[in-house]
Amino acid sequence: MQWFEPLELSLRHLVTVSKFALETLSVLCVIVGTVKTLQVGWRSLGFNSPHTSTFNKMRFLFGRWLALALEFQLGADIIGTTVAPTWQDLTQLALIALIRTFLNYFLGKELESEQKLQREMQEERNS
């Protein structure tokens, strides 16, 4: 099976590069989300907008970027365990996936309620 070893080595390199790329995208999502959120906060400083409205808008915006970052992190973890995982690797992945899924679920629920609140506030202004 000498022909198999170069393929396995190539797959390991592909996994390493892919995992790094996904982790990089995750970090970039957090950075971009932070910058965009700070821009919204900065722009609202000069206006007479209600504090809670700006705060909720910032939380909603940043929360969406964090949810995207979590998805990229989970993808990186899944890819990282594709080549000859040990039971410890699989257990660790299961726990990480569970924690991130839990965080993502509740973040999504919070974002939904924020979005609903924003719509209600918009409807009140329009009435």
Protein backbone atom coordinates (compact mmCIF):
# COMPACT_ATOMS: atom_id res chain seq x y z
CA MET A 1 0.00 0.00 0.00
CA GLN A 2 2.79 2.41 -0.80
CA TRP A 3 0.55 4.33 -3.19
CA PHE A 4 -1.79 5.07 -0.28
CA GLU A 5 0.75 6.88 1.94
CA PRO A 6 1.19 9.94 -0.33
CA LEU A 7 -2.59 10.27 -0.57
CA GLU A 8 -2.95 10.13 3.19
CA LEU A 9 -0.18 12.70 3.63
CA SER A 10 -1.87 14.96 1.07
CA LEU A 11 -5.17 14.62 2.92
CA ARG A 12 -3.48 15.52 6.21
CA HIS A 13 -2.02 18.66 4.61
CA LEU A 14 -5.41 19.56 3.11
CA VAL A 15 -7.08 19.10 6.50
CA THR A 16 -4.45 21.27 8.21
CA VAL A 17 -4.82 24.06 5.65
CA SER A 18 -8.63 23.86 5.67
CA LYS A 19 -8.79 23.90 9.46
CA PHE A 20 -6.49 26.92 9.57
CA ALA A 21 -8.59 28.70 6.91
CA LEU A 22 -11.83 28.11 8.81
CA GLU A 23 -10.30 29.23 12.10
CA THR A 24 -8.97 32.33 10.36
CA LEU A 25 -12.43 33.09 8.97
CA SER A 26 -13.84 32.70 12.46
CA VAL A 27 -11.37 35.19 13.90
CA LEU A 28 -12.05 37.59 11.02
CA CYS A 29 -15.79 37.36 11.72
CA VAL A 30 -15.23 38.40 15.33
CA ILE A 31 -12.93 41.26 14.29
CA VAL A 32 -15.24 42.52 11.53
CA GLY A 33 -18.24 42.16 13.83
CA THR A 34 -16.46 44.15 16.52
CA VAL A 35 -15.53 46.93 14.10
CA LYS A 36 -19.02 47.12 12.59
CA THR A 37 -20.62 47.12 16.04
CA LEU A 38 -18.33 49.90 17.24
CA GLN A 39 -19.18 51.90 14.10
CA VAL A 40 -22.88 51.66 14.92
CA GLY A 41 -22.19 52.76 18.48
CA TRP A 42 -19.94 55.60 17.35
CA ARG A 43 -22.48 56.89 14.82
CA SER A 44 -25.23 56.89 17.41
CA LEU A 45 -23.24 59.04 19.86
CA GLY A 46 -23.98 62.23 17.97
CA PHE A 47 -27.70 61.57 17.59
CA ASN A 48 -30.56 61.72 20.04
CA SER A 49 -31.42 58.07 19.62
CA PRO A 50 -32.71 56.12 22.60
CA HIS A 51 -29.92 54.33 24.43
CA THR A 52 -31.70 50.97 24.52
CA SER A 53 -32.40 51.09 20.80
CA THR A 54 -28.73 51.61 19.98
CA PHE A 55 -27.65 49.03 22.52
CA ASN A 56 -30.06 46.43 21.12
CA LYS A 57 -28.99 47.20 17.57
CA MET A 58 -25.34 46.72 18.58
CA ARG A 59 -26.08 43.45 20.39
CA PHE A 60 -28.06 42.14 17.43
CA LEU A 61 -25.33 43.04 14.93
CA PHE A 62 -22.50 41.60 17.03
CA GLY A 63 -24.52 38.50 17.87
CA ARG A 64 -24.98 37.69 14.18
CA TRP A 65 -21.23 37.93 13.60
CA LEU A 66 -20.53 35.74 16.65
CA ALA A 67 -23.00 33.11 15.42
CA LEU A 68 -21.20 33.03 12.07
CA ALA A 69 -17.83 32.74 13.83
CA LEU A 70 -19.13 29.80 15.88
CA GLU A 71 -20.21 28.02 12.70
CA PHE A 72 -16.74 28.39 11.20
CA GLN A 73 -15.15 27.15 14.44
CA LEU A 74 -17.38 24.09 14.49
CA GLY A 75 -16.49 23.36 10.87
CA ALA A 76 -12.79 23.63 11.73
CA ASP A 77 -13.22 21.21 14.62
CA ILE A 78 -15.08 18.71 12.44
CA ILE A 79 -12.42 18.86 9.73
CA GLY A 80 -9.68 18.53 12.34
CA THR A 81 -10.97 15.12 13.42
CA THR A 82 -11.41 13.61 9.94
CA VAL A 83 -7.97 12.01 9.66
CA ALA A 84 -7.48 9.05 12.02
CA PRO A 85 -9.29 10.43 15.06
CA THR A 86 -8.77 8.85 18.45
CA TRP A 87 -11.58 8.27 20.91
CA GLN A 88 -10.27 11.24 22.86
CA ASP A 89 -10.47 13.42 19.71
CA LEU A 90 -14.03 12.27 19.02
CA THR A 91 -15.11 12.82 22.62
CA GLN A 92 -13.56 16.27 22.60
CA LEU A 93 -15.29 17.09 19.30
CA ALA A 94 -18.63 15.89 20.66
CA LEU A 95 -18.28 18.09 23.73
CA ILE A 96 -17.16 21.11 21.69
CA ALA A 97 -19.99 20.59 19.21
CA LEU A 98 -22.49 20.29 22.06
CA ILE A 99 -21.26 23.45 23.78
CA ARG A 100 -21.12 25.46 20.54
CA THR A 101 -24.51 24.20 19.43
CA PHE A 102 -25.93 25.14 22.84
CA LEU A 103 -24.37 28.62 22.61
CA ASN A 104 -25.50 29.08 19.03
CA TYR A 105 -29.05 27.97 19.84
CA PHE A 106 -29.47 30.42 22.70
CA LEU A 107 -27.71 33.17 20.80
CA GLY A 108 -30.17 32.58 17.96
CA LYS A 109 -33.10 32.73 20.38
CA GLU A 110 -31.80 35.98 21.82
CA LEU A 111 -31.30 37.42 18.35
CA GLU A 112 -34.86 36.44 17.43
CA SER A 113 -36.25 38.24 20.47
CA GLU A 114 -34.09 41.29 19.71
CA GLN A 115 -35.35 41.31 16.14
CA LYS A 116 -38.95 41.04 17.34
CA LEU A 117 -38.38 43.90 19.77
CA GLN A 118 -36.87 46.02 16.98
CA ARG A 119 -39.90 45.35 14.74
CA GLU A 120 -42.30 46.27 17.55
CA MET A 121 -40.41 49.49 18.24
CA GLN A 122 -40.44 50.33 14.51
CA GLU A 123 -44.19 49.69 14.33
CA GLU A 124 -44.76 51.97 17.34
CA ARG A 125 -42.79 54.76 15.66
CA ASN A 126 -44.75 54.33 12.44
CA SER A 127 -48.12 54.43 14.27
